Amino acid sequence: MAGYLTTHVLDTARGCPASGLKIELFRIDGDNRTHLKTLTTNDDGRTDEQILPADAFEIGTYELVFHAGSYLDATNVPPEAPRFLDVIPLRFGMSEASHYHVPLLLSPFGYSTYRGS
């Protein structure tokens, strides 16, 4: 079985998928942080392609960076200065070749994540 990485972002305050949210993927190797890809969520709050497809999958430590502040601005959530949630980094490890699904449940003042299926 080959490994791969996906996500799904839901706007829990509005009760809908978070469309148009920018996500960056980085590989972490000690003190080195290497940018691998930038994607944007579609109308279903997912990316149109796997974030890390099987042909690029490697066991290791990664970071997904969700640009929540820009998304909240675009959805007309009244801004505070500075915004409570702006950029949300999620650092996690992938220890085996399997499907890693890292969803984000987002609101203007909180978020949660988990390893999904």
Protein backbone atom coordinates (compact mmCIF):
# COMPACT_ATOMS: atom_id res chain seq x y z
CA MET A 1 0.00 0.00 0.00
CA ALA A 2 1.29 3.44 -0.89
CA GLY A 3 0.96 6.38 1.47
CA TYR A 4 -0.65 9.71 0.68
CA LEU A 5 -1.97 12.82 2.43
CA THR A 6 -5.34 14.61 2.19
CA THR A 7 -7.28 17.22 4.14
CA HIS A 8 -10.79 18.62 4.47
CA VAL A 9 -11.49 22.05 5.98
CA LEU A 10 -14.90 22.79 7.46
CA ASP A 11 -16.05 26.21 8.63
CA THR A 12 -17.90 25.26 11.81
CA ALA A 13 -19.11 28.83 12.45
CA ARG A 14 -20.89 29.00 9.09
CA GLY A 15 -21.72 25.29 8.88
CA CYS A 16 -20.14 24.73 5.47
CA PRO A 17 -16.93 23.67 3.73
CA ALA A 18 -14.15 26.26 3.79
CA SER A 19 -13.75 27.09 0.11
CA GLY A 20 -10.77 29.11 -1.14
CA LEU A 21 -8.52 28.51 1.86
CA LYS A 22 -4.79 28.47 1.05
CA ILE A 23 -2.77 25.53 2.44
CA GLU A 24 0.99 25.06 2.32
CA LEU A 25 2.83 21.76 2.87
CA PHE A 26 6.33 21.62 4.34
CA ARG A 27 8.65 18.70 5.09
CA ILE A 28 10.48 19.01 8.41
CA ASP A 29 13.96 17.52 8.74
CA GLY A 30 15.59 18.62 11.99
CA ASP A 31 15.88 22.40 11.80
CA ASN A 32 15.19 22.40 8.04
CA ARG A 33 11.72 23.27 6.78
CA THR A 34 11.27 22.65 3.04
CA HIS A 35 8.23 23.97 1.15
CA LEU A 36 6.74 21.20 -1.01
CA LYS A 37 3.44 22.52 -2.32
CA THR A 38 0.75 25.21 -2.05
CA LEU A 39 -2.89 24.35 -2.70
CA THR A 40 -6.31 25.98 -2.26
CA THR A 41 -9.46 24.27 -1.07
CA ASN A 42 -12.33 23.78 -3.52
CA ASP A 43 -16.08 24.26 -2.96
CA ASP A 44 -16.14 21.08 -0.85
CA GLY A 45 -13.32 22.29 1.43
CA ARG A 46 -10.92 19.74 -0.06
CA THR A 47 -7.99 20.11 -2.42
CA ASP A 48 -8.47 19.04 -6.03
CA GLU A 49 -5.48 16.72 -5.74
CA GLN A 50 -3.85 14.81 -2.91
CA ILE A 51 -1.65 17.11 -0.87
CA LEU A 52 1.12 14.54 -0.92
CA PRO A 53 0.46 11.84 -3.53
CA ALA A 54 1.76 8.29 -3.33
CA ASP A 55 4.61 8.92 -5.79
CA ALA A 56 6.00 11.68 -3.51
CA PHE A 57 5.19 10.08 -0.14
CA GLU A 58 7.98 9.62 2.37
CA ILE A 59 7.78 8.69 6.03
CA GLY A 60 8.71 11.70 8.15
CA THR A 61 7.57 14.89 9.81
CA TYR A 62 5.43 17.38 7.91
CA GLU A 63 3.63 20.64 8.51
CA LEU A 64 0.40 21.85 6.97
CA VAL A 65 -0.04 25.63 7.21
CA PHE A 66 -3.65 26.79 6.92
CA HIS A 67 -4.09 30.48 6.05
CA ALA A 68 -7.21 30.99 8.15
CA GLY A 69 -7.01 34.78 8.44
CA SER A 70 -7.16 35.33 4.69
CA TYR A 71 -10.08 32.89 4.46
CA LEU A 72 -11.94 34.65 7.30
CA ASP A 73 -11.32 38.02 5.62
CA ALA A 74 -12.74 36.68 2.34
CA THR A 75 -15.88 35.41 4.10
CA ASN A 76 -16.48 38.82 5.70
CA VAL A 77 -15.85 37.75 9.28
CA PRO A 78 -15.35 41.05 11.11
CA PRO A 79 -11.61 41.42 11.71
CA GLU A 80 -10.01 42.18 15.01
CA ALA A 81 -6.49 43.62 15.02
CA PRO A 82 -4.63 41.38 15.10
CA ARG A 83 -6.89 38.51 14.12
CA PHE A 84 -7.06 35.82 16.83
CA LEU A 85 -6.42 33.05 14.27
CA ASP A 86 -4.37 34.00 11.25
CA VAL A 87 -1.98 31.24 10.23
CA ILE A 88 -2.49 27.77 11.71
CA PRO A 89 0.52 25.43 11.50
CA LEU A 90 -0.13 21.73 12.14
CA ARG A 91 3.03 19.64 12.54
CA PHE A 92 2.59 15.87 12.47
CA GLY A 93 4.43 12.66 11.70
CA MET A 94 3.67 10.00 9.12
CA SER A 95 5.25 6.75 10.28
CA GLU A 96 3.92 4.24 7.77
CA ALA A 97 2.77 4.08 4.17
CA SER A 98 -0.97 4.58 4.55
CA HIS A 99 -3.62 7.23 3.97
CA TYR A 100 -3.13 10.18 6.29
CA HIS A 101 -6.15 12.48 6.40
CA VAL A 102 -5.63 15.65 8.45
CA PRO A 103 -8.87 17.66 8.58
CA LEU A 104 -9.31 21.10 10.11
CA LEU A 105 -12.50 22.27 11.80
CA LEU A 106 -12.29 26.05 11.82
CA SER A 107 -14.10 28.99 13.41
CA PRO A 108 -12.86 32.57 14.00
CA PHE A 109 -11.83 31.78 17.59
CA GLY A 110 -10.90 28.11 17.58
CA TYR A 111 -9.96 25.04 15.59
CA SER A 112 -9.50 21.32 16.01
CA THR A 113 -7.87 18.55 14.05
CA TYR A 114 -7.43 14.80 14.21
CA ARG A 115 -6.17 11.92 12.11
CA GLY A 116 -9.15 11.05 9.97
CA SER A 117 -9.78 8.26 7.53
